[in-house]
Amino acid sequence: MGKLIVSLSPHAHGKDTVERNMYGVIIALLPALLASFWFFGIGSAIVCATSVVACVFFEWAINKYILKNERNTILDGSAALTGILLGMNLPSNLPIWIIIIGALFAIGVAKMTFGGLGNNLFNPALVGRCVLLVAFPAQMTTWPKIGQHWAYLDAETGATPLTIMQEAIKQGDASILDQLPSSLDLFLGNHPDGAGAMGEICALALLLGLAYMLWKKIITWHIPVSIIATVFVFSGLCHLANPAYADPISVILSGGLMLGAIFMATDYVTSPMTAQGQIIYGVAIGFLTVVIRNWGAYPEGMSFAILIMNAFTPLINTYVKPKRFGEVAQ
């Protein structure tokens, strides 16, 4: 019989469980999920359902037939959450077979290869998205317009706000930014020409999810606030230096910045443990996002910025360690 190892006192008891936190995040995602259904219709439902079912299936199959684990982990909510987040990072007209490939990479490569929940180095949903973006750039950068509720593969597409911003930078022409929706339209999700990924559509819905998670203490404010504040300051400086760069409010409300800052960067496994470490992590993500958006090959930089900083999380945790209980400050 194995030895029971108990750490030294004091001991603290909490109500947190994996299931509570995973399903809490899913509940927080409901406003954004419903907004995507409202704006994109049947295409959004097909993409999200396919992603969730594929992620849950791959986790079950890998556990049962490859790892041969007796414990059923699909009920803890983590696979379903990965599926929702992956789906919300995809266009609402993406073919089903491409979604399944993304789910396989998210679960099979980014999560289960490292030993499952708690062991993965990178956010699984973002790995799936970035693999698809590199492998299928045409399909992953074709964005349906809103309001086509019964259209799926044949949905009419258009230019997203980020595409307009990148074109203005390339041309050095601030007048191109006149094509952007107003800040209020970006906040509410009214993007008539092109909206981007399903989860990017409505900043208001994402902020409702943030408020819920803060209220339930599922996450803290450090990562989302530090990301958004850094993007505001850095993009504001760029705008002051050259009006061809969009104003900071439009930058924050466009693309996947809000979705990434609130739901992706705050992933427990791949983000730093301490408040100070989380602020360092968030500032770096915000800075890298603006750099990639303004001068990179892709209009969106949030996913790449988070994955880059996921790799630095162990280093940040080593650099910023919490004091041991009772330790005397030097």
C-alpha atoms as a PDB file:
ATOM      1  CA  MET A   1       0.000   0.000   0.000  1.00  0.00           C
ATOM      2  CA  GLY A   2       1.391   3.386  -0.985  1.00  0.00           C
ATOM      3  CA  LYS A   3       2.349   5.895   1.671  1.00  0.00           C
ATOM      4  CA  LEU A   4       0.019   8.792   2.362  1.00  0.00           C
ATOM      5  CA  ILE A   5       1.980  12.017   1.986  1.00  0.00           C
ATOM      6  CA  VAL A   6       0.626  15.016   3.849  1.00  0.00           C
ATOM      7  CA  SER A   7       2.229  18.458   3.711  1.00  0.00           C
ATOM      8  CA  LEU A   8       3.035  20.402   6.851  1.00  0.00           C
ATOM      9  CA  SER A   9       0.351  22.551   8.452  1.00  0.00           C
ATOM     10  CA  PRO A  10      -1.364  24.945   8.118  1.00  0.00           C
ATOM     11  CA  HIS A  11      -3.843  23.374   5.744  1.00  0.00           C
ATOM     12  CA  ALA A  12      -6.500  25.300   3.831  1.00  0.00           C
ATOM     13  CA  HIS A  13      -9.723  23.812   2.520  1.00  0.00           C
ATOM     14  CA  GLY A  14     -11.461  25.242  -0.509  1.00  0.00           C
ATOM     15  CA  LYS A  15     -14.569  24.449  -2.528  1.00  0.00           C
ATOM     16  CA  ASP A  16     -12.756  24.651  -5.863  1.00  0.00           C
ATOM     17  CA  THR A  17     -12.793  21.554  -8.038  1.00  0.00           C
ATOM     18  CA  VAL A  18     -11.825  20.988 -11.652  1.00  0.00           C
ATOM     19  CA  GLU A  19     -15.453  20.398 -12.551  1.00  0.00           C
ATOM     20  CA  ARG A  20     -16.678  23.545 -10.779  1.00  0.00           C
ATOM     21  CA  ASN A  21     -14.182  25.766 -12.554  1.00  0.00           C
ATOM     22  CA  MET A  22     -14.572  24.180 -15.989  1.00  0.00           C
ATOM     23  CA  TYR A  23     -18.346  24.396 -15.943  1.00  0.00           C
ATOM     24  CA  GLY A  24     -18.112  27.878 -14.444  1.00  0.00           C
ATOM     25  CA  VAL A  25     -16.123  29.035 -17.474  1.00  0.00           C
ATOM     26  CA  ILE A  26     -18.639  27.342 -19.779  1.00  0.00           C
ATOM     27  CA  ILE A  27     -21.443  29.274 -18.074  1.00  0.00           C
ATOM     28  CA  ALA A  28     -19.433  32.493 -18.497  1.00  0.00           C
ATOM     29  CA  LEU A  29     -19.102  31.730 -22.219  1.00  0.00           C
ATOM     30  CA  LEU A  30     -22.865  31.398 -22.718  1.00  0.00           C
ATOM     31  CA  PRO A  31     -23.518  35.110 -23.500  1.00  0.00           C
ATOM     32  CA  ALA A  32     -20.814  35.116 -26.200  1.00  0.00           C
ATOM     33  CA  LEU A  33     -22.013  31.757 -27.497  1.00  0.00           C
ATOM     34  CA  LEU A  34     -25.606  32.966 -27.741  1.00  0.00           C
ATOM     35  CA  ALA A  35     -24.415  36.159 -29.429  1.00  0.00           C
ATOM     36  CA  SER A  36     -22.593  34.091 -32.057  1.00  0.00           C
ATOM     37  CA  PHE A  37     -25.782  32.086 -32.694  1.00  0.00           C
ATOM     38  CA  TRP A  38     -27.755  35.334 -32.988  1.00  0.00           C
ATOM     39  CA  PHE A  39     -25.372  36.957 -35.467  1.00  0.00           C
ATOM     40  CA  PHE A  40     -24.216  33.926 -37.490  1.00  0.00           C
ATOM     41  CA  GLY A  41     -27.127  31.510 -37.170  1.00  0.00           C
ATOM     42  CA  ILE A  42     -26.916  27.871 -38.268  1.00  0.00           C
ATOM     43  CA  GLY A  43     -23.247  28.068 -39.265  1.00  0.00           C
ATOM     44  CA  SER A  44     -22.235  29.006 -35.729  1.00  0.00           C
ATOM     45  CA  ALA A  45     -24.250  26.122 -34.263  1.00  0.00           C
ATOM     46  CA  ILE A  46     -22.735  23.594 -36.675  1.00  0.00           C
ATOM     47  CA  VAL A  47     -19.149  24.721 -36.042  1.00  0.00           C
ATOM     48  CA  CYS A  48     -19.516  24.817 -32.255  1.00  0.00           C
ATOM     49  CA  ALA A  49     -21.359  21.489 -31.993  1.00  0.00           C
ATOM     50  CA  THR A  50     -18.837  19.766 -34.250  1.00  0.00           C
ATOM     51  CA  SER A  51     -15.916  21.136 -32.258  1.00  0.00           C
ATOM     52  CA  VAL A  52     -17.338  20.084 -28.877  1.00  0.00           C
ATOM     53  CA  VAL A  53     -18.340  16.592 -30.019  1.00  0.00           C
ATOM     54  CA  ALA A  54     -14.968  16.020 -31.714  1.00  0.00           C
ATOM     55  CA  CYS A  55     -12.963  17.199 -28.695  1.00  0.00           C
ATOM     56  CA  VAL A  56     -14.955  15.055 -26.264  1.00  0.00           C
ATOM     57  CA  PHE A  57     -14.696  12.025 -28.580  1.00  0.00           C
ATOM     58  CA  PHE A  58     -10.935  12.338 -29.046  1.00  0.00           C
ATOM     59  CA  GLU A  59     -10.336  12.662 -25.303  1.00  0.00           C
ATOM     60  CA  TRP A  60     -12.500   9.599 -24.616  1.00  0.00           C
ATOM     61  CA  ALA A  61     -10.900   7.539 -27.391  1.00  0.00           C
ATOM     62  CA  ILE A  62      -7.302   8.435 -26.477  1.00  0.00           C
ATOM     63  CA  ASN A  63      -7.906   7.713 -22.805  1.00  0.00           C
ATOM     64  CA  LYS A  64      -9.605   4.388 -23.491  1.00  0.00           C
ATOM     65  CA  TYR A  65      -7.627   2.916 -26.377  1.00  0.00           C
ATOM     66  CA  ILE A  66      -4.190   4.551 -26.268  1.00  0.00           C
ATOM     67  CA  LEU A  67      -3.492   5.579 -22.667  1.00  0.00           C
ATOM     68  CA  LYS A  68      -5.840   2.874 -21.316  1.00  0.00           C
ATOM     69  CA  ASN A  69      -6.894   5.020 -18.371  1.00  0.00           C
ATOM     70  CA  GLU A  70      -9.765   3.658 -16.339  1.00  0.00           C
ATOM     71  CA  ARG A  71     -10.809   7.119 -15.162  1.00  0.00           C
ATOM     72  CA  ASN A  72     -13.312   8.845 -17.432  1.00  0.00           C
ATOM     73  CA  THR A  73     -12.140  12.452 -17.790  1.00  0.00           C
ATOM     74  CA  ILE A  74     -14.714  13.673 -20.310  1.00  0.00           C
ATOM     75  CA  LEU A  75     -17.149  14.512 -17.510  1.00  0.00           C
ATOM     76  CA  ASP A  76     -14.849  17.077 -15.866  1.00  0.00           C
ATOM     77  CA  GLY A  77     -15.819  19.625 -18.521  1.00  0.00           C
ATOM     78  CA  SER A  78     -12.325  20.380 -19.792  1.00  0.00           C
ATOM     79  CA  ALA A  79     -12.765  18.675 -23.183  1.00  0.00           C
ATOM     80  CA  ALA A  80     -16.127  20.357 -23.749  1.00  0.00           C
ATOM     81  CA  LEU A  81     -14.610  23.726 -22.781  1.00  0.00           C
ATOM     82  CA  THR A  82     -11.747  23.200 -25.219  1.00  0.00           C
ATOM     83  CA  GLY A  83     -14.291  22.402 -27.915  1.00  0.00           C
ATOM     84  CA  ILE A  84     -16.283  25.573 -27.236  1.00  0.00           C
ATOM     85  CA  LEU A  85     -13.189  27.763 -27.196  1.00  0.00           C
ATOM     86  CA  LEU A  86     -11.846  26.178 -30.365  1.00  0.00           C
ATOM     87  CA  GLY A  87     -15.185  26.679 -32.084  1.00  0.00           C
ATOM     88  CA  MET A  88     -15.359  30.311 -31.002  1.00  0.00           C
ATOM     89  CA  ASN A  89     -11.955  30.908 -32.595  1.00  0.00           C
ATOM     90  CA  LEU A  90     -13.120  29.652 -36.003  1.00  0.00           C
ATOM     91  CA  PRO A  91     -15.106  31.161 -38.892  1.00  0.00           C
ATOM     92  CA  SER A  92     -18.775  30.178 -38.878  1.00  0.00           C
ATOM     93  CA  ASN A  93     -18.481  28.701 -42.403  1.00  0.00           C
ATOM     94  CA  LEU A  94     -15.558  26.340 -41.773  1.00  0.00           C
ATOM     95  CA  PRO A  95     -16.059  22.820 -43.215  1.00  0.00           C
ATOM     96  CA  ILE A  96     -16.683  20.069 -40.676  1.00  0.00           C
ATOM     97  CA  TRP A  97     -13.648  18.002 -41.673  1.00  0.00           C
ATOM     98  CA  ILE A  98     -11.308  20.926 -40.964  1.00  0.00           C
ATOM     99  CA  ILE A  99     -12.912  21.455 -37.545  1.00  0.00           C
ATOM    100  CA  ILE A 100     -12.301  17.775 -36.700  1.00  0.00           C
ATOM    101  CA  ILE A 101      -8.620  18.129 -37.613  1.00  0.00           C
ATOM    102  CA  GLY A 102      -8.369  21.142 -35.304  1.00  0.00           C
ATOM    103  CA  ALA A 103     -10.008  19.190 -32.475  1.00  0.00           C
ATOM    104  CA  LEU A 104      -7.577  16.312 -32.986  1.00  0.00           C
ATOM    105  CA  PHE A 105      -4.588  18.629 -32.645  1.00  0.00           C
ATOM    106  CA  ALA A 106      -6.138  20.461 -29.683  1.00  0.00           C
ATOM    107  CA  ILE A 107      -6.893  17.318 -27.689  1.00  0.00           C
ATOM    108  CA  GLY A 108      -4.620  14.659 -29.119  1.00  0.00           C
ATOM    109  CA  VAL A 109      -1.454  16.710 -29.509  1.00  0.00           C
ATOM    110  CA  ALA A 110      -1.658  19.782 -27.258  1.00  0.00           C
ATOM    111  CA  LYS A 111      -3.384  18.102 -24.298  1.00  0.00           C
ATOM    112  CA  MET A 112      -3.237  14.301 -24.152  1.00  0.00           C
ATOM    113  CA  THR A 113       0.321  13.996 -25.475  1.00  0.00           C
ATOM    114  CA  PHE A 114       1.518  15.789 -22.338  1.00  0.00           C
ATOM    115  CA  GLY A 115      -0.578  13.649 -19.994  1.00  0.00           C
ATOM    116  CA  GLY A 116      -3.960  15.354 -20.026  1.00  0.00           C
ATOM    117  CA  LEU A 117      -5.418  18.225 -18.038  1.00  0.00           C
ATOM    118  CA  GLY A 118      -2.873  19.902 -15.780  1.00  0.00           C
ATOM    119  CA  ASN A 119       0.166  18.799 -17.762  1.00  0.00           C
ATOM    120  CA  ASN A 120      -0.187  20.611 -21.080  1.00  0.00           C
ATOM    121  CA  LEU A 121       2.297  23.389 -21.816  1.00  0.00           C
ATOM    122  CA  PHE A 122       0.127  25.278 -24.307  1.00  0.00           C
ATOM    123  CA  ASN A 123      -3.532  26.221 -24.457  1.00  0.00           C
ATOM    124  CA  PRO A 124      -5.110  23.326 -26.425  1.00  0.00           C
ATOM    125  CA  ALA A 125      -7.787  25.365 -28.198  1.00  0.00           C
ATOM    126  CA  LEU A 126      -5.234  27.903 -29.432  1.00  0.00           C
ATOM    127  CA  VAL A 127      -2.916  25.143 -30.662  1.00  0.00           C
ATOM    128  CA  GLY A 128      -5.809  23.737 -32.680  1.00  0.00           C
ATOM    129  CA  ARG A 129      -6.631  27.165 -34.098  1.00  0.00           C
ATOM    130  CA  CYS A 130      -3.041  28.014 -35.033  1.00  0.00           C
ATOM    131  CA  VAL A 131      -2.474  24.626 -36.687  1.00  0.00           C
ATOM    132  CA  LEU A 132      -5.548  25.210 -38.820  1.00  0.00           C
ATOM    133  CA  LEU A 133      -4.483  28.780 -39.589  1.00  0.00           C
ATOM    134  CA  VAL A 134      -1.121  27.574 -40.908  1.00  0.00           C
ATOM    135  CA  ALA A 135      -2.499  24.495 -42.701  1.00  0.00           C
ATOM    136  CA  PHE A 136      -5.667  26.057 -44.160  1.00  0.00           C
ATOM    137  CA  PRO A 137      -5.019  29.812 -44.407  1.00  0.00           C
ATOM    138  CA  ALA A 138      -7.656  30.466 -47.076  1.00  0.00           C
ATOM    139  CA  GLN A 139     -10.502  28.769 -45.193  1.00  0.00           C
ATOM    140  CA  MET A 140      -9.380  30.207 -41.838  1.00  0.00           C
ATOM    141  CA  THR A 141      -9.296  33.792 -43.093  1.00  0.00           C
ATOM    142  CA  THR A 142     -12.613  33.820 -44.954  1.00  0.00           C
ATOM    143  CA  TRP A 143     -15.066  35.567 -42.682  1.00  0.00           C
ATOM    144  CA  PRO A 144     -18.864  35.465 -43.159  1.00  0.00           C
ATOM    145  CA  LYS A 145     -20.947  38.603 -42.805  1.00  0.00           C
ATOM    146  CA  ILE A 146     -23.469  38.684 -39.992  1.00  0.00           C
ATOM    147  CA  GLY A 147     -27.193  38.203 -40.469  1.00  0.00           C
ATOM    148  CA  GLN A 148     -27.019  35.151 -42.780  1.00  0.00           C
ATOM    149  CA  HIS A 149     -28.827  32.941 -40.320  1.00  0.00           C
ATOM    150  CA  TRP A 150     -29.502  29.982 -42.633  1.00  0.00           C
ATOM    151  CA  ALA A 151     -26.273  30.145 -44.627  1.00  0.00           C
ATOM    152  CA  TYR A 152     -23.329  27.887 -43.853  1.00  0.00           C
ATOM    153  CA  LEU A 153     -20.696  26.961 -46.459  1.00  0.00           C
ATOM    154  CA  ASP A 154     -22.153  29.371 -49.015  1.00  0.00           C
ATOM    155  CA  ALA A 155     -22.253  32.389 -46.674  1.00  0.00           C
ATOM    156  CA  GLU A 156     -21.252  35.749 -48.161  1.00  0.00           C
ATOM    157  CA  THR A 157     -17.935  36.982 -46.754  1.00  0.00           C
ATOM    158  CA  GLY A 158     -16.316  40.360 -46.139  1.00  0.00           C
ATOM    159  CA  ALA A 159     -13.359  42.235 -44.670  1.00  0.00           C
ATOM    160  CA  THR A 160     -13.000  42.245 -40.882  1.00  0.00           C
ATOM    161  CA  PRO A 161     -12.019  45.308 -38.828  1.00  0.00           C
ATOM    162  CA  LEU A 162      -8.516  43.857 -38.349  1.00  0.00           C
ATOM    163  CA  THR A 163      -8.117  43.427 -42.090  1.00  0.00           C
ATOM    164  CA  ILE A 164      -9.081  47.067 -42.592  1.00  0.00           C
ATOM    165  CA  MET A 165      -6.581  48.147 -39.913  1.00  0.00           C
ATOM    166  CA  GLN A 166      -3.766  46.142 -41.484  1.00  0.00           C
ATOM    167  CA  GLU A 167      -4.529  47.578 -44.932  1.00  0.00           C
ATOM    168  CA  ALA A 168      -4.410  51.122 -43.542  1.00  0.00           C
ATOM    169  CA  ILE A 169      -0.974  50.424 -42.047  1.00  0.00           C
ATOM    170  CA  LYS A 170       0.343  48.874 -45.263  1.00  0.00           C
ATOM    171  CA  GLN A 171      -0.910  51.772 -47.398  1.00  0.00           C
ATOM    172  CA  GLY A 172      -0.040  54.409 -44.796  1.00  0.00           C
ATOM    173  CA  ASP A 173      -3.499  55.874 -45.423  1.00  0.00           C
ATOM    174  CA  ALA A 174      -5.554  56.842 -42.378  1.00  0.00           C
ATOM    175  CA  SER A 175      -8.658  57.403 -44.534  1.00  0.00           C
ATOM    176  CA  ILE A 176      -9.006  53.613 -44.950  1.00  0.00           C
ATOM    177  CA  LEU A 177      -9.910  53.473 -41.260  1.00  0.00           C
ATOM    178  CA  ASP A 178     -13.137  55.316 -42.087  1.00  0.00           C
ATOM    179  CA  GLN A 179     -14.466  51.901 -43.178  1.00  0.00           C
ATOM    180  CA  LEU A 180     -14.302  50.656 -39.571  1.00  0.00           C
ATOM    181  CA  PRO A 181     -17.558  50.289 -37.630  1.00  0.00           C
ATOM    182  CA  SER A 182     -18.017  52.756 -34.785  1.00  0.00           C
ATOM    183  CA  SER A 183     -16.793  51.844 -31.314  1.00  0.00           C
ATOM    184  CA  LEU A 184     -20.406  51.287 -30.234  1.00  0.00           C
ATOM    185  CA  ASP A 185     -21.024  48.924 -33.144  1.00  0.00           C
ATOM    186  CA  LEU A 186     -17.839  47.014 -32.314  1.00  0.00           C
ATOM    187  CA  PHE A 187     -18.922  46.811 -28.670  1.00  0.00           C
ATOM    188  CA  LEU A 188     -22.378  45.474 -29.527  1.00  0.00           C
ATOM    189  CA  GLY A 189     -21.327  43.240 -32.417  1.00  0.00           C
ATOM    190  CA  ASN A 190     -22.710  45.152 -35.377  1.00  0.00           C
ATOM    191  CA  HIS A 191     -20.035  44.384 -37.991  1.00  0.00           C
ATOM    192  CA  PRO A 192     -21.950  44.538 -41.282  1.00  0.00           C
ATOM    193  CA  ASP A 193     -19.022  43.890 -43.649  1.00  0.00           C
ATOM    194  CA  GLY A 194     -17.235  41.071 -41.842  1.00  0.00           C
ATOM    195  CA  ALA A 195     -17.052  39.967 -38.260  1.00  0.00           C
ATOM    196  CA  GLY A 196     -14.179  37.531 -37.791  1.00  0.00           C
ATOM    197  CA  ALA A 197     -14.335  34.443 -35.613  1.00  0.00           C
ATOM    198  CA  MET A 198     -17.576  33.507 -33.875  1.00  0.00           C
ATOM    199  CA  GLY A 199     -16.400  34.418 -30.385  1.00  0.00           C
ATOM    200  CA  GLU A 200     -15.085  37.828 -31.424  1.00  0.00           C
ATOM    201  CA  ILE A 201     -18.413  39.275 -32.445  1.00  0.00           C
ATOM    202  CA  CYS A 202     -19.707  40.977 -29.288  1.00  0.00           C
ATOM    203  CA  ALA A 203     -17.453  42.597 -26.682  1.00  0.00           C
ATOM    204  CA  LEU A 204     -20.437  43.197 -24.399  1.00  0.00           C
ATOM    205  CA  ALA A 205     -21.155  39.456 -24.191  1.00  0.00           C
ATOM    206  CA  LEU A 206     -17.508  38.722 -23.391  1.00  0.00           C
ATOM    207  CA  LEU A 207     -17.464  41.337 -20.635  1.00  0.00           C
ATOM    208  CA  LEU A 208     -20.559  39.759 -19.102  1.00  0.00           C
ATOM    209  CA  GLY A 209     -18.603  36.509 -18.962  1.00  0.00           C
ATOM    210  CA  LEU A 210     -15.670  38.298 -17.340  1.00  0.00           C
ATOM    211  CA  ALA A 211     -17.952  39.823 -14.702  1.00  0.00           C
ATOM    212  CA  TYR A 212     -19.388  36.379 -13.912  1.00  0.00           C
ATOM    213  CA  MET A 213     -15.969  34.760 -13.516  1.00  0.00           C
ATOM    214  CA  LEU A 214     -14.725  37.582 -11.299  1.00  0.00           C
ATOM    215  CA  TRP A 215     -17.873  37.330  -9.182  1.00  0.00           C
ATOM    216  CA  LYS A 216     -17.477  33.585  -8.804  1.00  0.00           C
ATOM    217  CA  LYS A 217     -13.714  34.015  -8.251  1.00  0.00           C
ATOM    218  CA  ILE A 218     -12.949  31.611 -11.069  1.00  0.00           C
ATOM    219  CA  ILE A 219     -10.234  34.002 -12.268  1.00  0.00           C
ATOM    220  CA  THR A 220      -8.660  37.216 -10.989  1.00  0.00           C
ATOM    221  CA  TRP A 221      -8.421  40.562 -12.757  1.00  0.00           C
ATOM    222  CA  HIS A 222      -4.644  40.541 -13.223  1.00  0.00           C
ATOM    223  CA  ILE A 223      -4.293  38.894 -16.641  1.00  0.00           C
ATOM    224  CA  PRO A 224      -7.239  40.414 -18.568  1.00  0.00           C
ATOM    225  CA  VAL A 225      -6.719  43.914 -17.180  1.00  0.00           C
ATOM    226  CA  SER A 226      -2.945  43.898 -17.783  1.00  0.00           C
ATOM    227  CA  ILE A 227      -3.441  42.700 -21.372  1.00  0.00           C
ATOM    228  CA  ILE A 228      -6.130  45.255 -22.214  1.00  0.00           C
ATOM    229  CA  ALA A 229      -4.271  48.119 -20.488  1.00  0.00           C
ATOM    230  CA  THR A 230      -1.034  47.304 -22.329  1.00  0.00           C
ATOM    231  CA  VAL A 231      -2.795  47.146 -25.693  1.00  0.00           C
ATOM    232  CA  PHE A 232      -4.520  50.456 -24.963  1.00  0.00           C
ATOM    233  CA  VAL A 233      -1.262  52.223 -24.095  1.00  0.00           C
ATOM    234  CA  PHE A 234       0.909  50.727 -26.866  1.00  0.00           C
ATOM    235  CA  SER A 235      -1.699  51.063 -29.638  1.00  0.00           C
ATOM    236  CA  GLY A 236      -2.484  54.581 -28.394  1.00  0.00           C
ATOM    237  CA  LEU A 237       1.170  55.573 -28.765  1.00  0.00           C
ATOM    238  CA  CYS A 238       1.203  54.116 -32.290  1.00  0.00           C
ATOM    239  CA  HIS A 239      -1.953  56.073 -33.152  1.00  0.00           C
ATOM    240  CA  LEU A 240      -0.470  59.315 -31.834  1.00  0.00           C
ATOM    241  CA  ALA A 241       2.701  58.746 -33.833  1.00  0.00           C
ATOM    242  CA  ASN A 242       0.838  57.866 -37.037  1.00  0.00           C
ATOM    243  CA  PRO A 243      -2.954  58.210 -37.579  1.00  0.00           C
ATOM    244  CA  ALA A 244      -2.809  55.249 -40.009  1.00  0.00           C
ATOM    245  CA  TYR A 245      -2.729  53.074 -36.892  1.00  0.00           C
ATOM    246  CA  ALA A 246      -6.238  52.635 -35.471  1.00  0.00           C
ATOM    247  CA  ASP A 247      -7.290  54.276 -32.225  1.00  0.00           C
ATOM    248  CA  PRO A 248      -6.828  52.117 -29.102  1.00  0.00           C
ATOM    249  CA  ILE A 249     -10.550  51.635 -28.404  1.00  0.00           C
ATOM    250  CA  SER A 250     -11.122  50.161 -31.864  1.00  0.00           C
ATOM    251  CA  VAL A 251      -8.039  47.968 -31.458  1.00  0.00           C
ATOM    252  CA  ILE A 252      -9.289  46.564 -28.148  1.00  0.00           C
ATOM    253  CA  LEU A 253     -12.812  45.911 -29.430  1.00  0.00           C
ATOM    254  CA  SER A 254     -11.668  44.262 -32.677  1.00  0.00           C
ATOM    255  CA  GLY A 255     -10.612  40.706 -33.356  1.00  0.00           C
ATOM    256  CA  GLY A 256      -9.993  38.128 -30.678  1.00  0.00           C
ATOM    257  CA  LEU A 257      -8.368  40.392 -28.110  1.00  0.00           C
ATOM    258  CA  MET A 258     -11.240  40.371 -25.616  1.00  0.00           C
ATOM    259  CA  LEU A 259     -11.889  36.651 -26.094  1.00  0.00           C
ATOM    260  CA  GLY A 260      -8.212  35.847 -25.657  1.00  0.00           C
ATOM    261  CA  ALA A 261      -7.645  38.146 -22.687  1.00  0.00           C
ATOM    262  CA  ILE A 262     -10.676  36.891 -20.770  1.00  0.00           C
ATOM    263  CA  PHE A 263     -10.977  33.200 -21.658  1.00  0.00           C
ATOM    264  CA  MET A 264      -7.728  31.979 -23.241  1.00  0.00           C
ATOM    265  CA  ALA A 265      -4.859  33.718 -21.471  1.00  0.00           C
ATOM    266  CA  THR A 266      -6.444  33.008 -18.066  1.00  0.00           C
ATOM    267  CA  ASP A 267      -6.225  29.235 -18.510  1.00  0.00           C
ATOM    268  CA  TYR A 268      -5.083  27.844 -15.136  1.00  0.00           C
ATOM    269  CA  VAL A 269      -2.594  25.337 -16.503  1.00  0.00           C
ATOM    270  CA  THR A 270      -0.718  27.563 -18.926  1.00  0.00           C
ATOM    271  CA  SER A 271      -0.647  30.880 -17.020  1.00  0.00           C
ATOM    272  CA  PRO A 272       1.562  31.958 -14.070  1.00  0.00           C
ATOM    273  CA  MET A 273       0.552  31.172 -10.503  1.00  0.00           C
ATOM    274  CA  THR A 274       1.242  34.473  -8.731  1.00  0.00           C
ATOM    275  CA  ALA A 275      -0.428  37.862  -9.184  1.00  0.00           C
ATOM    276  CA  GLN A 276       2.891  39.502 -10.047  1.00  0.00           C
ATOM    277  CA  GLY A 277       3.687  36.786 -12.552  1.00  0.00           C
ATOM    278  CA  GLN A 278       0.247  37.151 -14.126  1.00  0.00           C
ATOM    279  CA  ILE A 279       0.776  40.880 -14.635  1.00  0.00           C
ATOM    280  CA  ILE A 280       4.162  40.262 -16.298  1.00  0.00           C
ATOM    281  CA  TYR A 281       2.509  37.607 -18.462  1.00  0.00           C
ATOM    282  CA  GLY A 282      -0.399  39.886 -19.382  1.00  0.00           C
ATOM    283  CA  VAL A 283       1.786  42.870 -20.248  1.00  0.00           C
ATOM    284  CA  ALA A 284       3.952  40.690 -22.508  1.00  0.00           C
ATOM    285  CA  ILE A 285       0.870  39.259 -24.269  1.00  0.00           C
ATOM    286  CA  GLY A 286      -0.552  42.737 -24.830  1.00  0.00           C
ATOM    287  CA  PHE A 287       2.734  44.023 -26.234  1.00  0.00           C
ATOM    288  CA  LEU A 288       3.249  41.028 -28.538  1.00  0.00           C
ATOM    289  CA  THR A 289      -0.347  41.236 -29.783  1.00  0.00           C
ATOM    290  CA  VAL A 290       0.088  44.828 -30.945  1.00  0.00           C
ATOM    291  CA  VAL A 291       3.476  44.037 -32.519  1.00  0.00           C
ATOM    292  CA  ILE A 292       2.113  41.080 -34.498  1.00  0.00           C
ATOM    293  CA  ARG A 293      -1.065  42.914 -35.528  1.00  0.00           C
ATOM    294  CA  ASN A 294       0.809  45.993 -36.733  1.00  0.00           C
ATOM    295  CA  TRP A 295       3.883  44.449 -38.332  1.00  0.00           C
ATOM    296  CA  GLY A 296       3.239  40.717 -38.675  1.00  0.00           C
ATOM    297  CA  ALA A 297       1.954  38.654 -41.588  1.00  0.00           C
ATOM    298  CA  TYR A 298      -1.426  37.958 -39.953  1.00  0.00           C
ATOM    299  CA  PRO A 299      -3.977  40.640 -38.983  1.00  0.00           C
ATOM    300  CA  GLU A 300      -4.594  38.897 -35.639  1.00  0.00           C
ATOM    301  CA  GLY A 301      -1.790  38.384 -33.130  1.00  0.00           C
ATOM    302  CA  MET A 302      -3.624  37.366 -29.952  1.00  0.00           C
ATOM    303  CA  SER A 303      -3.380  33.597 -30.408  1.00  0.00           C
ATOM    304  CA  PHE A 304       0.320  33.660 -31.247  1.00  0.00           C
ATOM    305  CA  ALA A 305       1.080  36.039 -28.363  1.00  0.00           C
ATOM    306  CA  ILE A 306      -0.646  33.774 -25.829  1.00  0.00           C
ATOM    307  CA  LEU A 307       1.118  30.646 -27.105  1.00  0.00           C
ATOM    308  CA  ILE A 308       4.494  32.402 -26.994  1.00  0.00           C
ATOM    309  CA  MET A 309       3.922  33.436 -23.397  1.00  0.00           C
ATOM    310  CA  ASN A 310       2.623  29.960 -22.499  1.00  0.00           C
ATOM    311  CA  ALA A 311       6.179  28.813 -23.243  1.00  0.00           C
ATOM    312  CA  PHE A 312       7.537  31.432 -20.841  1.00  0.00           C
ATOM    313  CA  THR A 313       5.132  30.572 -18.002  1.00  0.00           C
ATOM    314  CA  PRO A 314       7.520  28.109 -16.264  1.00  0.00           C
ATOM    315  CA  LEU A 315      10.258  30.747 -16.392  1.00  0.00           C
ATOM    316  CA  ILE A 316       7.936  33.394 -14.941  1.00  0.00           C
ATOM    317  CA  ASN A 317       6.876  30.990 -12.184  1.00  0.00           C
ATOM    318  CA  THR A 318      10.544  30.379 -11.351  1.00  0.00           C
ATOM    319  CA  TYR A 319      11.343  34.106 -11.333  1.00  0.00           C
ATOM    320  CA  VAL A 320       8.283  35.177  -9.327  1.00  0.00           C
ATOM    321  CA  LYS A 321       7.816  32.678  -6.534  1.00  0.00           C
ATOM    322  CA  PRO A 322       5.352  33.160  -3.660  1.00  0.00           C
ATOM    323  CA  LYS A 323       6.909  33.343  -0.206  1.00  0.00           C
ATOM    324  CA  ARG A 324       6.671  30.190   1.831  1.00  0.00           C
ATOM    325  CA  PHE A 325       4.340  30.434   4.795  1.00  0.00           C
ATOM    326  CA  GLY A 326       6.254  31.874   7.742  1.00  0.00           C
ATOM    327  CA  GLU A 327       9.317  32.794   5.696  1.00  0.00           C
ATOM    328  CA  VAL A 328      11.146  35.866   6.991  1.00  0.00           C
ATOM    329  CA  ALA A 329      11.643  38.541   4.341  1.00  0.00           C
ATOM    330  CA  GLN A 330      15.280  39.265   3.558  1.00  0.00           C
END
